[in-house]
Structures are given as C-alpha cells and as structure tokens.
Amino acid sequence: MRALLQRVSHAAVAVDGETIGQCGPGLLILVCAMRGDTDAEADRLAARIAKLRIFEDADGRMNRSILDTGGEALIVSQFTLAADTARGNRPGFSGAAAPEEGRHLYERFAERIAALGIPAETGRFAAKMEVSLLNDGPVTIWMES
C-alpha cells in the first residue's frame, strides 16, 4: 500500500458539495492499495503511521506521533498514487489494486487507524471528491508498506 501523509491544522472532503468527512489537527492520509497488497500490509501501514513522529514537541522538534498529540485523521482513497510515470506523457495506473480489492483494503486501513485510537473519518471510495486542507509546516511524507 502507498500513503501520502499531510500534517494538517484541518482538512475536509466533499462529494457533490456536501462535506462527508473532516478532521481537526492531525493527518490527511491519501491511501492507495496496490495490486497484490494484503490485509497484513494495510494493518502494518496503519500501525507505522500511528507511531510516526512528525508532530512537534515542546522544543519544536518533530518528536511526537498522532497518538501522542491526540490528533485526528481524514483518510481518502487515492488510486492515482499508483501512477507509473516512467514512460510517455500519460500516467498508467495498472499497478493499483482492482476496485473491489482496493475498497476492501482502504476500508481495512481506515478501521485499523480507528482501532488504534485515532479519531478518523473517511472520504467515499471511487467518488469524485474535493479535498481541502491547511497543511501544517508544511509537512508531507510519502510511505509504502
């Protein structure tokens, strides 16, 4: 699985003009299931993200995790993270998991984040979404399972 993390002051996702998910201070997590990914990879990625120390401590150093800060998460499916841009001018997405497999792994990932004690909301799988955020830092981190 692939994830792009953005440390945010707040973020929201809307479908057809209606906000369907949001978070306060914490993480916007764009996530993509890749062909061949398993439940174990979704679980492992969620655990790694929960412990990742990218929030500032009292000295201004990135030394605290989202668990340490009590932050929230907004989790949005993003199959375009599978983009292959090695050739030509049009990205290929054949590395992304098939839709039903992708949906299962996305939902599994979101459930694991919540089970780890992080208040989490989600976007809508396979929907055209509008995501707004205020990046804090800015801090943006790329991760793979």
C-alpha atoms as a PDB file:
ATOM      1  CA  MET A   1       0.000   0.000   0.000  1.00  0.00           C
ATOM      2  CA  ARG A   2       1.016   3.568  -0.553  1.00  0.00           C
ATOM      3  CA  ALA A   3       0.136   6.583   1.554  1.00  0.00           C
ATOM      4  CA  LEU A   4       0.795  10.279   1.325  1.00  0.00           C
ATOM      5  CA  LEU A   5       0.550  11.938   4.743  1.00  0.00           C
ATOM      6  CA  GLN A   6      -0.021  15.627   5.190  1.00  0.00           C
ATOM      7  CA  ARG A   7       0.167  17.111   8.665  1.00  0.00           C
ATOM      8  CA  VAL A   8      -2.810  19.455   8.812  1.00  0.00           C
ATOM      9  CA  SER A   9      -4.432  22.050  11.022  1.00  0.00           C
ATOM     10  CA  HIS A  10      -7.715  20.888   9.463  1.00  0.00           C
ATOM     11  CA  ALA A  11      -8.952  19.044   6.392  1.00  0.00           C
ATOM     12  CA  ALA A  12     -12.282  18.153   4.806  1.00  0.00           C
ATOM     13  CA  VAL A  13     -13.580  16.087   1.909  1.00  0.00           C
ATOM     14  CA  ALA A  14     -16.773  16.814  -0.012  1.00  0.00           C
ATOM     15  CA  VAL A  15     -18.839  14.944  -2.602  1.00  0.00           C
ATOM     16  CA  ASP A  16     -21.360  16.908  -4.674  1.00  0.00           C
ATOM     17  CA  GLY A  17     -20.831  19.946  -2.452  1.00  0.00           C
ATOM     18  CA  GLU A  18     -21.604  18.058   0.789  1.00  0.00           C
ATOM     19  CA  THR A  19     -18.879  17.576   3.401  1.00  0.00           C
ATOM     20  CA  ILE A  20     -18.700  13.860   4.145  1.00  0.00           C
ATOM     21  CA  GLY A  21     -15.554  13.751   6.295  1.00  0.00           C
ATOM     22  CA  GLN A  22     -13.293  16.133   8.158  1.00  0.00           C
ATOM     23  CA  CYS A  23     -10.623  16.347  10.810  1.00  0.00           C
ATOM     24  CA  GLY A  24      -9.065  18.924  13.068  1.00  0.00           C
ATOM     25  CA  PRO A  25      -5.348  18.965  13.842  1.00  0.00           C
ATOM     26  CA  GLY A  26      -3.756  15.706  12.720  1.00  0.00           C
ATOM     27  CA  LEU A  27      -3.250  13.956   9.410  1.00  0.00           C
ATOM     28  CA  LEU A  28      -4.817  13.913   5.979  1.00  0.00           C
ATOM     29  CA  ILE A  29      -3.944  10.429   4.721  1.00  0.00           C
ATOM     30  CA  LEU A  30      -4.259   9.748   0.995  1.00  0.00           C
ATOM     31  CA  VAL A  31      -4.065   5.973   0.574  1.00  0.00           C
ATOM     32  CA  CYS A  32      -3.814   3.578  -2.388  1.00  0.00           C
ATOM     33  CA  ALA A  33      -3.949  -0.207  -2.400  1.00  0.00           C
ATOM     34  CA  MET A  34      -1.552  -1.718  -4.900  1.00  0.00           C
ATOM     35  CA  ARG A  35      -2.005  -4.943  -6.852  1.00  0.00           C
ATOM     36  CA  GLY A  36      -1.027  -7.851  -4.581  1.00  0.00           C
ATOM     37  CA  ASP A  37      -1.452  -5.976  -1.276  1.00  0.00           C
ATOM     38  CA  THR A  38      -2.948  -7.901   1.655  1.00  0.00           C
ATOM     39  CA  ASP A  39      -4.732  -7.203   4.924  1.00  0.00           C
ATOM     40  CA  ALA A  40      -1.399  -7.590   6.714  1.00  0.00           C
ATOM     41  CA  GLU A  41       0.067  -4.702   4.710  1.00  0.00           C
ATOM     42  CA  ALA A  42      -2.919  -2.472   5.497  1.00  0.00           C
ATOM     43  CA  ASP A  43      -2.520  -3.291   9.201  1.00  0.00           C
ATOM     44  CA  ARG A  44       1.252  -2.704   9.152  1.00  0.00           C
ATOM     45  CA  LEU A  45       0.936   0.639   7.342  1.00  0.00           C
ATOM     46  CA  ALA A  46      -1.714   1.847   9.803  1.00  0.00           C
ATOM     47  CA  ALA A  47       0.497   0.893  12.761  1.00  0.00           C
ATOM     48  CA  ARG A  48       3.536   2.638  11.262  1.00  0.00           C
ATOM     49  CA  ILE A  49       1.572   5.833  10.584  1.00  0.00           C
ATOM     50  CA  ALA A  50       0.106   5.875  14.105  1.00  0.00           C
ATOM     51  CA  LYS A  51       3.630   5.810  15.587  1.00  0.00           C
ATOM     52  CA  LEU A  52       5.345   8.103  13.062  1.00  0.00           C
ATOM     53  CA  ARG A  53       6.872  11.033  14.944  1.00  0.00           C
ATOM     54  CA  ILE A  54       6.108  14.033  12.724  1.00  0.00           C
ATOM     55  CA  PHE A  55       4.439  16.345  15.244  1.00  0.00           C
ATOM     56  CA  GLU A  56       6.383  18.939  17.220  1.00  0.00           C
ATOM     57  CA  ASP A  57       7.281  18.570  20.879  1.00  0.00           C
ATOM     58  CA  ALA A  58       7.700  21.476  23.334  1.00  0.00           C
ATOM     59  CA  ASP A  59      11.120  22.233  21.802  1.00  0.00           C
ATOM     60  CA  GLY A  60       9.741  22.442  18.248  1.00  0.00           C
ATOM     61  CA  ARG A  61      11.311  19.134  17.163  1.00  0.00           C
ATOM     62  CA  MET A  62       9.320  16.504  15.261  1.00  0.00           C
ATOM     63  CA  ASN A  63       9.270  14.033  18.114  1.00  0.00           C
ATOM     64  CA  ARG A  64       5.584  13.191  18.709  1.00  0.00           C
ATOM     65  CA  SER A  65       3.152  10.879  16.917  1.00  0.00           C
ATOM     66  CA  ILE A  66      -0.505  11.451  16.137  1.00  0.00           C
ATOM     67  CA  LEU A  67      -1.237   9.150  19.086  1.00  0.00           C
ATOM     68  CA  ASP A  68       0.906  11.335  21.363  1.00  0.00           C
ATOM     69  CA  THR A  69      -0.884  14.519  20.286  1.00  0.00           C
ATOM     70  CA  GLY A  70      -4.439  13.159  20.315  1.00  0.00           C
ATOM     71  CA  GLY A  71      -4.756  14.206  16.680  1.00  0.00           C
ATOM     72  CA  GLU A  72      -7.438  13.198  14.199  1.00  0.00           C
ATOM     73  CA  ALA A  73      -7.220  11.646  10.738  1.00  0.00           C
ATOM     74  CA  LEU A  74      -9.060  12.129   7.481  1.00  0.00           C
ATOM     75  CA  ILE A  75      -8.490   9.117   5.215  1.00  0.00           C
ATOM     76  CA  VAL A  76      -9.128   9.498   1.488  1.00  0.00           C
ATOM     77  CA  SER A  77      -8.770   6.806  -1.176  1.00  0.00           C
ATOM     78  CA  GLN A  78      -6.413   7.952  -3.925  1.00  0.00           C
ATOM     79  CA  PHE A  79      -5.759   5.397  -6.679  1.00  0.00           C
ATOM     80  CA  THR A  80      -3.629   7.927  -8.554  1.00  0.00           C
ATOM     81  CA  LEU A  81      -0.833   7.274  -6.040  1.00  0.00           C
ATOM     82  CA  ALA A  82      -0.253   4.162  -8.176  1.00  0.00           C
ATOM     83  CA  ALA A  83       0.705   6.334 -11.165  1.00  0.00           C
ATOM     84  CA  ASP A  84       3.508   4.989 -13.323  1.00  0.00           C
ATOM     85  CA  THR A  85       5.148   7.964 -14.994  1.00  0.00           C
ATOM     86  CA  ALA A  86       8.261   6.175 -16.278  1.00  0.00           C
ATOM     87  CA  ARG A  87       7.273   6.419 -19.955  1.00  0.00           C
ATOM     88  CA  GLY A  88       5.349   8.847 -22.076  1.00  0.00           C
ATOM     89  CA  ASN A  89       3.213  11.771 -21.003  1.00  0.00           C
ATOM     90  CA  ARG A  90       0.207   9.897 -19.657  1.00  0.00           C
ATOM     91  CA  PRO A  91       0.487   8.058 -16.329  1.00  0.00           C
ATOM     92  CA  GLY A  92      -0.540   4.411 -16.126  1.00  0.00           C
ATOM     93  CA  PHE A  93      -2.483   3.033 -13.181  1.00  0.00           C
ATOM     94  CA  SER A  94      -2.265  -0.718 -13.776  1.00  0.00           C
ATOM     95  CA  GLY A  95      -0.317  -1.133 -10.508  1.00  0.00           C
ATOM     96  CA  ALA A  96      -3.381  -0.176  -8.454  1.00  0.00           C
ATOM     97  CA  ALA A  97      -5.453  -2.940  -6.909  1.00  0.00           C
ATOM     98  CA  ALA A  98      -8.691  -3.932  -8.639  1.00  0.00           C
ATOM     99  CA  PRO A  99     -11.634  -1.841  -7.387  1.00  0.00           C
ATOM    100  CA  GLU A 100     -13.183  -4.406  -5.010  1.00  0.00           C
ATOM    101  CA  GLU A 101      -9.793  -5.353  -3.567  1.00  0.00           C
ATOM    102  CA  GLY A 102      -8.892  -1.669  -3.286  1.00  0.00           C
ATOM    103  CA  ARG A 103     -12.150  -0.882  -1.484  1.00  0.00           C
ATOM    104  CA  HIS A 104     -11.616  -3.718   0.997  1.00  0.00           C
ATOM    105  CA  LEU A 105      -8.034  -2.651   1.787  1.00  0.00           C
ATOM    106  CA  TYR A 106      -8.974   1.032   2.059  1.00  0.00           C
ATOM    107  CA  GLU A 107     -11.765   0.210   4.499  1.00  0.00           C
ATOM    108  CA  ARG A 108      -9.492  -2.174   6.418  1.00  0.00           C
ATOM    109  CA  PHE A 109      -6.829   0.530   6.705  1.00  0.00           C
ATOM    110  CA  ALA A 110      -9.366   3.088   7.985  1.00  0.00           C
ATOM    111  CA  GLU A 111     -10.742   0.582  10.520  1.00  0.00           C
ATOM    112  CA  ARG A 112      -7.206  -0.149  11.792  1.00  0.00           C
ATOM    113  CA  ILE A 113      -6.412   3.564  12.203  1.00  0.00           C
ATOM    114  CA  ALA A 114      -9.597   3.989  14.270  1.00  0.00           C
ATOM    115  CA  ALA A 115      -8.910   0.802  16.264  1.00  0.00           C
ATOM    116  CA  LEU A 116      -5.510   2.227  17.226  1.00  0.00           C
ATOM    117  CA  GLY A 117      -7.333   5.062  18.998  1.00  0.00           C
ATOM    118  CA  ILE A 118      -7.140   7.776  16.350  1.00  0.00           C
ATOM    119  CA  PRO A 119     -10.456   9.534  15.660  1.00  0.00           C
ATOM    120  CA  ALA A 120     -10.881   9.026  11.911  1.00  0.00           C
ATOM    121  CA  GLU A 121     -13.262   9.997   9.159  1.00  0.00           C
ATOM    122  CA  THR A 122     -13.139   8.967   5.510  1.00  0.00           C
ATOM    123  CA  GLY A 123     -13.924  10.038   2.009  1.00  0.00           C
ATOM    124  CA  ARG A 124     -16.059   7.922  -0.344  1.00  0.00           C
ATOM    125  CA  PHE A 125     -14.281   5.207  -2.292  1.00  0.00           C
ATOM    126  CA  ALA A 126     -14.341   5.726  -6.090  1.00  0.00           C
ATOM    127  CA  ALA A 127     -16.221   9.025  -5.828  1.00  0.00           C
ATOM    128  CA  LYS A 128     -15.167  12.319  -7.351  1.00  0.00           C
ATOM    129  CA  MET A 129     -14.117  14.193  -4.227  1.00  0.00           C
ATOM    130  CA  GLU A 130     -12.996  17.696  -3.388  1.00  0.00           C
ATOM    131  CA  VAL A 131     -10.377  17.762  -0.637  1.00  0.00           C
ATOM    132  CA  SER A 132      -9.471  20.936   1.227  1.00  0.00           C
ATOM    133  CA  LEU A 133      -6.742  21.274   3.809  1.00  0.00           C
ATOM    134  CA  LEU A 134      -4.480  23.614   5.671  1.00  0.00           C
ATOM    135  CA  ASN A 135      -1.074  21.919   5.619  1.00  0.00           C
ATOM    136  CA  ASP A 136       0.791  22.460   8.892  1.00  0.00           C
ATOM    137  CA  GLY A 137       4.512  23.014   8.450  1.00  0.00           C
ATOM    138  CA  PRO A 138       4.178  22.144   5.632  1.00  0.00           C
ATOM    139  CA  VAL A 139       4.897  18.510   6.407  1.00  0.00           C
ATOM    140  CA  THR A 140       4.206  15.943   3.683  1.00  0.00           C
ATOM    141  CA  ILE A 141       5.501  12.363   3.958  1.00  0.00           C
ATOM    142  CA  TRP A 142       5.391   9.511   1.403  1.00  0.00           C
ATOM    143  CA  MET A 143       5.121   5.939   2.777  1.00  0.00           C
ATOM    144  CA  GLU A 144       4.884   2.431   1.344  1.00  0.00           C
ATOM    145  CA  SER A 145       4.146  -0.816   3.143  1.00  0.00           C
END
